[in-house]
Protein backbone atom coordinates (compact mmCIF):
# COMPACT_ATOMS: atom_id res chain seq x y z
CA MET A 1 45.61 16.56 -10.78
CA SER A 2 43.32 17.48 -13.10
CA ALA A 3 45.26 17.02 -16.19
CA LEU A 4 46.55 13.98 -14.90
CA SER A 5 43.54 12.61 -14.45
CA ASP A 6 42.90 13.21 -18.13
CA ASN A 7 46.14 11.58 -19.43
CA LEU A 8 45.63 8.38 -17.17
CA VAL A 9 41.75 7.68 -19.32
CA THR A 10 43.72 7.91 -22.13
CA PHE A 11 46.56 5.66 -21.32
CA ALA A 12 43.48 3.75 -19.59
CA ILE A 13 41.31 3.28 -23.47
CA LEU A 14 44.74 2.32 -25.40
CA VAL A 15 45.52 -0.31 -22.66
CA TYR A 16 41.99 -1.26 -22.69
CA LEU A 17 42.99 -1.18 -26.09
CA ILE A 18 45.73 -3.60 -26.81
CA ALA A 19 43.76 -5.76 -24.06
CA MET A 20 41.17 -5.97 -26.77
CA ILE A 21 43.71 -7.10 -29.23
CA GLY A 22 45.41 -9.55 -27.10
CA HIS A 23 41.81 -11.25 -26.76
CA ALA A 24 40.50 -10.82 -30.32
CA VAL A 25 44.72 -12.57 -31.32
CA GLU A 26 43.51 -15.88 -29.14
CA TYR A 27 39.58 -15.98 -30.52
CA ALA A 28 41.12 -16.02 -34.20
CA LEU A 29 44.41 -18.97 -33.05
CA GLY A 30 41.75 -20.48 -31.56
CA ASN A 31 39.41 -20.38 -34.74
CA ALA A 32 42.21 -21.19 -36.99
CA ARG A 33 41.79 -24.78 -38.07
CA THR A 34 44.97 -27.44 -38.31
CA ARG A 35 46.04 -28.53 -41.61
CA VAL A 36 46.54 -32.45 -41.83
CA ALA A 37 48.90 -33.54 -44.21
CA VAL A 38 48.09 -36.37 -47.00
CA ALA A 39 50.45 -39.11 -47.85
CA ALA A 40 50.89 -38.73 -51.29
CA PRO A 41 50.54 -42.42 -53.10
CA VAL A 42 52.95 -44.99 -53.06
CA ARG A 43 55.39 -44.71 -55.94
CA GLU A 44 56.92 -47.98 -57.51
CA LEU A 45 60.25 -47.80 -59.18
CA VAL A 46 60.84 -50.25 -61.81
CA GLY A 47 64.95 -51.74 -61.06
CA ALA A 48 67.48 -52.55 -63.69
CA GLY A 49 66.89 -56.11 -62.76
CA GLY A 50 63.13 -55.32 -63.93
CA GLY A 51 62.16 -55.72 -60.47
CA VAL A 52 59.83 -53.17 -58.52
CA VAL A 53 61.63 -50.99 -55.96
CA PRO A 54 58.99 -49.52 -53.52
CA THR A 55 59.97 -45.83 -52.67
CA PRO A 56 58.84 -45.46 -48.91
CA PRO A 57 56.21 -42.79 -48.52
CA PRO A 58 56.79 -39.61 -46.70
CA ALA A 59 56.67 -39.13 -43.38
CA PRO A 60 53.82 -38.06 -42.71
CA VAL A 61 53.04 -34.39 -40.60
CA PRO A 62 51.57 -34.46 -37.11
CA SER A 63 48.66 -32.63 -37.05
CA SER A 64 48.63 -32.43 -33.17
CA ALA A 65 51.82 -30.13 -33.31
CA ALA A 66 50.58 -27.56 -35.15
CA ALA A 67 47.09 -27.62 -33.19
CA ASP A 68 49.97 -28.08 -29.93
CA ARG A 69 51.38 -24.54 -31.09
CA SER A 70 48.33 -22.86 -32.07
CA ALA A 71 47.08 -23.12 -28.81
CA ARG A 72 49.75 -22.22 -27.09
CA ARG A 73 49.94 -18.98 -28.89
CA ALA A 74 46.46 -18.26 -28.23
CA ARG A 75 46.80 -18.95 -24.51
CA LEU A 76 49.83 -16.11 -24.46
CA ALA A 77 47.79 -14.20 -26.85
CA GLY A 78 44.61 -14.57 -23.69
CA LEU A 79 46.96 -13.95 -20.81
CA ILE A 80 48.66 -10.89 -22.29
CA GLY A 81 44.80 -9.67 -22.90
CA VAL A 82 44.40 -10.18 -18.99
CA GLY A 83 46.86 -8.63 -17.94
CA ALA A 84 46.35 -5.28 -20.00
CA THR A 85 43.23 -5.50 -19.09
CA ALA A 86 45.11 -5.48 -15.50
CA VAL A 87 47.31 -2.55 -15.91
CA ALA A 88 43.95 -0.71 -17.58
CA ALA A 89 42.02 -0.83 -14.69
CA LEU A 90 45.17 0.10 -12.74
CA LEU A 91 44.89 3.08 -14.55
CA HIS A 92 41.47 3.13 -14.65
CA LEU A 93 41.02 3.59 -10.97
CA ALA A 94 44.06 6.21 -10.44
CA ALA A 95 42.31 8.44 -13.20
CA LEU A 96 39.77 8.43 -10.68
CA VAL A 97 41.41 8.95 -7.86
CA THR A 98 43.72 11.59 -9.40
CA ARG A 99 39.63 13.16 -11.03
CA GLY A 100 38.94 13.23 -6.86
CA LEU A 101 41.48 14.34 -5.65
CA ALA A 102 41.43 17.52 -7.97
CA ALA A 103 37.73 18.19 -7.51
CA ASP A 104 37.72 17.75 -3.52
CA ARG A 105 35.03 15.29 -3.69
CA MET A 106 34.22 11.77 -4.98
CA PRO A 107 34.15 11.74 -8.45
CA TRP A 108 31.14 11.23 -9.81
CA GLY A 109 29.46 14.80 -9.86
CA ASN A 110 28.78 14.97 -13.94
CA MET A 111 27.92 12.30 -16.51
CA TYR A 112 31.84 12.05 -17.68
CA GLU A 113 33.00 11.07 -14.02
CA PHE A 114 29.83 8.38 -13.46
CA VAL A 115 30.16 6.47 -16.86
CA LEU A 116 34.39 6.19 -15.40
CA THR A 117 33.08 5.19 -12.45
CA VAL A 118 30.49 2.35 -13.73
CA THR A 119 33.19 0.82 -16.18
CA PHE A 120 35.57 1.02 -13.77
CA ILE A 121 33.31 -0.84 -11.18
CA GLY A 122 32.59 -3.63 -14.49
CA VAL A 123 35.80 -4.19 -15.26
CA ALA A 124 37.03 -4.82 -11.65
CA ALA A 125 34.20 -7.24 -11.57
CA TRP A 126 35.37 -9.04 -14.80
CA LEU A 127 38.85 -9.37 -13.10
CA VAL A 128 37.16 -10.87 -9.87
CA VAL A 129 35.54 -13.35 -11.65
CA LEU A 130 37.93 -14.12 -14.22
CA TRP A 131 39.66 -14.89 -10.91
CA LYS A 132 37.14 -17.27 -9.39
CA ARG A 133 36.36 -18.18 -12.80
CA PRO A 134 39.21 -18.59 -15.09
CA SER A 135 37.50 -20.82 -18.16
CA LEU A 136 35.88 -17.25 -18.93
CA ARG A 137 38.84 -15.98 -20.23
CA LYS A 138 37.68 -15.93 -23.44
CA LEU A 139 34.33 -13.63 -22.83
CA GLY A 140 37.26 -10.70 -22.55
CA LEU A 141 37.03 -9.85 -26.00
CA PHE A 142 33.67 -8.34 -25.49
CA LEU A 143 34.18 -6.97 -21.87
CA THR A 144 37.44 -4.75 -23.53
CA LEU A 145 35.20 -3.99 -26.41
CA VAL A 146 32.66 -2.52 -24.12
CA MET A 147 35.68 -0.80 -22.44
CA VAL A 148 37.17 0.91 -25.06
CA LEU A 149 33.72 1.90 -26.43
CA LEU A 150 32.76 3.28 -23.22
CA VAL A 151 35.43 4.87 -22.41
CA ALA A 152 36.42 6.58 -24.69
CA THR A 153 33.13 8.20 -25.45
CA ALA A 154 33.05 9.76 -21.77
CA GLU A 155 36.75 10.57 -22.42
CA LEU A 156 35.81 12.24 -26.37
CA VAL A 157 32.15 13.08 -26.16
CA LEU A 158 31.11 13.10 -22.14
CA TYR A 159 34.18 14.99 -20.73
CA VAL A 160 34.20 18.36 -18.73
CA PRO A 161 36.56 20.66 -16.64
CA ILE A 162 35.88 20.22 -13.03
CA VAL A 163 33.71 22.20 -11.54
CA PRO A 164 31.93 21.95 -7.93
CA LEU A 165 28.75 19.97 -7.23
CA VAL A 166 25.49 21.55 -7.49
CA PRO A 167 24.24 23.09 -3.82
CA ALA A 168 21.58 19.82 -3.77
CA LEU A 169 24.07 17.36 -4.57
CA ASN A 170 26.04 18.79 -1.25
CA SER A 171 24.92 16.14 1.28
CA TYR A 172 25.95 12.62 2.71
CA TRP A 173 23.37 11.28 1.43
CA PHE A 174 25.38 11.68 -2.19
CA ILE A 175 27.77 9.31 -0.90
CA ILE A 176 25.43 7.22 0.47
CA HIS A 177 22.48 6.87 -3.03
CA VAL A 178 25.79 7.44 -5.96
CA SER A 179 27.86 4.91 -4.57
CA THR A 180 25.03 1.87 -4.62
CA ILE A 181 23.89 3.24 -7.91
CA VAL A 182 26.98 3.07 -9.42
CA PHE A 183 28.09 0.40 -7.71
CA ALA A 184 24.66 -1.35 -9.40
CA SER A 185 25.43 0.12 -12.68
CA GLY A 186 28.89 -1.29 -12.72
CA ILE A 187 27.77 -4.96 -12.24
CA PHE A 188 24.28 -4.54 -14.14
CA LEU A 189 27.05 -3.95 -17.12
CA LEU A 190 29.15 -7.16 -16.65
CA GLY A 191 26.35 -8.60 -16.79
CA VAL A 192 24.63 -7.71 -20.20
CA VAL A 193 28.06 -9.36 -21.61
CA PRO A 194 27.75 -12.88 -20.42
CA ALA A 195 24.06 -12.45 -21.30
CA VAL A 196 24.61 -11.81 -24.95
CA GLY A 197 27.50 -14.25 -25.26
CA PHE A 198 24.76 -16.63 -23.72
CA LEU A 199 22.11 -15.68 -26.88
CA MET A 200 24.95 -16.07 -29.06
CA ARG A 201 26.42 -19.35 -27.89
CA ASN A 202 22.62 -20.74 -27.05
CA GLY A 203 21.94 -20.08 -31.29
CA TYR A 204 25.24 -22.15 -31.83
CA GLU A 205 25.01 -24.67 -29.76
CA GLN A 206 20.85 -24.91 -31.26
CA GLY A 207 22.59 -25.28 -35.27
CA LYS A 208 22.89 -21.91 -36.11
CA ARG A 209 25.37 -20.40 -38.18
CA SER A 210 25.03 -16.95 -39.49
CA PHE A 211 25.45 -14.55 -37.93
CA PRO A 212 25.83 -13.55 -35.19
CA TYR A 213 25.77 -16.92 -33.70
CA THR A 214 29.10 -18.04 -35.44
CA LEU A 215 31.15 -15.15 -33.02
CA ALA A 216 30.07 -17.51 -30.30
CA LYS A 217 31.62 -20.46 -31.21
CA ARG A 218 34.36 -20.43 -28.90
CA LEU A 219 32.87 -19.10 -26.13
CA PRO A 220 31.82 -21.38 -23.02
CA GLY A 221 29.21 -23.18 -22.77
CA ALA A 222 25.66 -21.56 -22.87
CA ALA A 223 24.71 -23.23 -19.66
CA GLY A 224 27.26 -21.67 -17.72
CA LEU A 225 27.14 -18.03 -19.19
CA GLU A 226 23.48 -18.65 -18.14
CA ARG A 227 24.45 -19.28 -14.67
CA LEU A 228 26.75 -16.31 -14.63
CA THR A 229 24.46 -13.95 -15.83
CA PHE A 230 21.98 -14.63 -13.24
CA ALA A 231 24.57 -14.48 -10.59
CA LEU A 232 25.40 -10.98 -11.33
CA HIS A 233 21.82 -9.79 -11.26
CA ALA A 234 20.94 -11.34 -8.27
CA PHE A 235 23.63 -10.15 -6.61
CA ALA A 236 23.19 -6.41 -7.75
CA PHE A 237 19.52 -6.28 -7.83
CA PRO A 238 19.42 -5.58 -4.46
CA ILE A 239 21.61 -3.10 -4.19
CA PHE A 240 20.21 -1.36 -7.30
CA THR A 241 16.63 -1.58 -5.08
CA PHE A 242 18.80 -0.10 -1.92
CA ALA A 243 19.82 2.34 -4.12
CA VAL A 244 16.36 3.83 -5.47
CA ILE A 245 15.24 3.63 -2.03
CA ALA A 246 17.73 5.65 -0.92
CA GLY A 247 17.53 8.63 -3.86
CA ALA A 248 13.64 8.73 -2.50
CA ILE A 249 14.61 9.51 0.56
CA TRP A 250 17.00 11.79 0.14
CA ALA A 251 14.59 13.57 -2.46
CA GLU A 252 12.25 13.71 0.60
CA ALA A 253 15.45 15.74 1.99
CA ALA A 254 16.00 17.90 -0.66
CA TRP A 255 13.44 18.67 -2.70
CA GLY A 256 10.12 17.99 0.00
CA ARG A 257 9.11 14.73 -1.69
CA PRO A 258 10.10 11.51 -1.92
CA TRP A 259 8.89 10.33 -5.68
CA GLY A 260 8.03 13.39 -8.30
CA TRP A 261 8.20 11.44 -11.50
CA ASP A 262 11.43 13.21 -12.51
CA PRO A 263 12.63 11.57 -15.80
CA LYS A 264 15.89 9.90 -14.22
CA GLU A 265 13.20 9.27 -11.00
CA THR A 266 10.58 7.54 -13.81
CA TRP A 267 13.51 5.74 -15.92
CA ALA A 268 14.87 4.12 -12.45
CA PHE A 269 11.79 2.43 -12.09
CA ILE A 270 11.36 1.24 -15.38
CA SER A 271 15.02 -0.29 -15.07
CA TRP A 272 13.99 -1.38 -11.69
CA VAL A 273 10.71 -3.50 -12.77
CA VAL A 274 12.61 -4.57 -16.04
CA TYR A 275 15.49 -6.29 -13.96
CA ALA A 276 12.84 -7.86 -11.84
CA GLY A 277 10.91 -8.81 -14.63
CA TYR A 278 14.15 -10.66 -15.76
CA LEU A 279 14.42 -12.60 -11.66
CA HIS A 280 10.98 -13.04 -11.97
CA ALA A 281 11.33 -14.87 -15.40
CA ARG A 282 14.22 -16.63 -14.19
CA ALA A 283 12.76 -18.37 -11.51
CA THR A 284 9.57 -19.13 -13.91
CA PRO A 285 10.57 -22.60 -14.92
CA SER A 286 8.47 -22.69 -17.99
CA VAL A 287 10.21 -19.26 -18.65
CA LYS A 288 12.57 -20.35 -21.24
CA ARG A 289 16.24 -19.10 -20.56
CA ASN A 290 16.38 -17.17 -23.85
CA VAL A 291 13.50 -15.08 -23.04
CA ALA A 292 14.51 -14.23 -19.41
CA THR A 293 17.67 -13.35 -20.87
CA TRP A 294 16.40 -11.25 -23.57
CA ILE A 295 14.82 -9.34 -20.34
CA ALA A 296 18.09 -8.85 -18.70
CA VAL A 297 19.62 -7.43 -22.14
CA LEU A 298 16.20 -5.04 -22.21
CA GLY A 299 17.12 -3.88 -18.84
CA PHE A 300 19.95 -2.88 -19.44
CA LEU A 301 19.45 -0.48 -22.41
CA THR A 302 16.60 1.06 -19.80
CA MET A 303 19.70 1.58 -17.83
CA LEU A 304 21.93 3.06 -21.17
CA MET A 305 18.57 5.42 -21.37
CA ASN A 306 18.84 6.72 -18.08
CA LEU A 307 22.43 7.65 -18.14
CA PHE A 308 22.93 8.86 -21.85
CA GLY A 309 18.71 9.36 -23.05
CA VAL A 310 17.69 12.02 -19.68
CA ASN A 311 20.90 13.46 -18.90
CA ILE A 312 21.01 15.02 -22.92
CA PHE A 313 17.55 14.75 -24.01
CA PHE A 314 15.50 15.49 -21.02
CA THR A 315 15.33 18.78 -18.04
CA GLY A 316 15.16 17.73 -14.58
CA LEU A 317 16.08 17.61 -10.75
CA HIS A 318 18.88 15.39 -11.92
CA SER A 319 19.94 17.00 -14.91
CA TYR A 320 23.85 17.01 -13.73
CA GLY A 321 25.43 15.16 -17.16
CA GLY A 322 27.30 18.53 -17.43
CA LEU A 323 26.83 19.05 -20.95
CA ASP A 324 25.06 21.83 -22.60
């Protein structure tokens, strides 16, 4: 089962890559400019009798035909990208299930398994959002790029063989705390995609034409991306809050104290404060939307620090990354 899980992760990465290529082709075709044929000037021929015989102008080339072909190809590439994303998500889920069966526990015992689960939650939530709002399909390029990078990093850098849980994790709080923190983290992962998209698109709509704002030319409108960013964060934040509280209750039962400013606890608190700051800024009319969105992006960076930085560079009671 363990070997099967490893192979499924590899296949999922490859299919995510195919999905990313499909979305990239859609983006490229969408950016292609339609060439409009310019009618040649009318030439006049002199007949044998001295009369002028006008030569009929060439038939105009309908610019809409090329545009329609490009649009159809772009849509097909986008649908292939969505289909490949769904297939990759199924492979991703199968990898998690087989990993859990091989370990005889929930597959959240180390950083490799945690990243696999968080990324699956993110892509599953994306497919739900896309089902509700198909007009957001072009965000798929950025979502699949994130999936390829994170899942490949998990497979190539974070991978560890299956080992039993450390004694402190053998508790029913393991499922309660880790499941909620994983779910919230997956939604935050998805939320940062429209957040970055909004920042680029908003700049483009304000007339900025330098990199990276030009990447947002084909994205949906900035207002819609900003509303999606807020909706995802507003949904995930209460779950994240419950996860932090559940972790404190578990710490009281396991270590005799609810909070000890362990590095992971500290960074979880920092993430909570930053995301709370984002929601407060978003609800404050005097705060510009792009300023509030930058706070959301900062919140995700603190989540990455808590996941990678704390597990790799710090030692504490939460050092369950599995890396040497």
